[in-house]
């Protein structure tokens, strides 16, 4: 009986494949393309809370389907707070994450 691993080993050598093995070649290539596409695509996170929707990749905040004008730093701050999932974010951690090149007054 032909094993899938044997077929995978010889799929790149069409001259070696028998007629029966070649019948698997097209569907197998389709599966390979699908797996490559799924594996290479990034997961996209969209946060929804109440009437709001936040897409960190854009970055854009929406309320009831309408864009909410925010500065880039405000969006970064909101994303950081959402990712902490209700946990306390210390001032220094917030400063390091959002304003990494700025010294805080307590550091001087």
Foldseek 3Di string as FASTA:
>chain_A
DDDPVVLVVCLVPVVPDDPVSVVCNVVVVVVVVVVVVVVPDDDFDWDDDDQWIAGVVVGFIDGVNHTDDDDPLVSQLVVVCVVVPPDDDDPVNSCCRRPVPDDDPVND
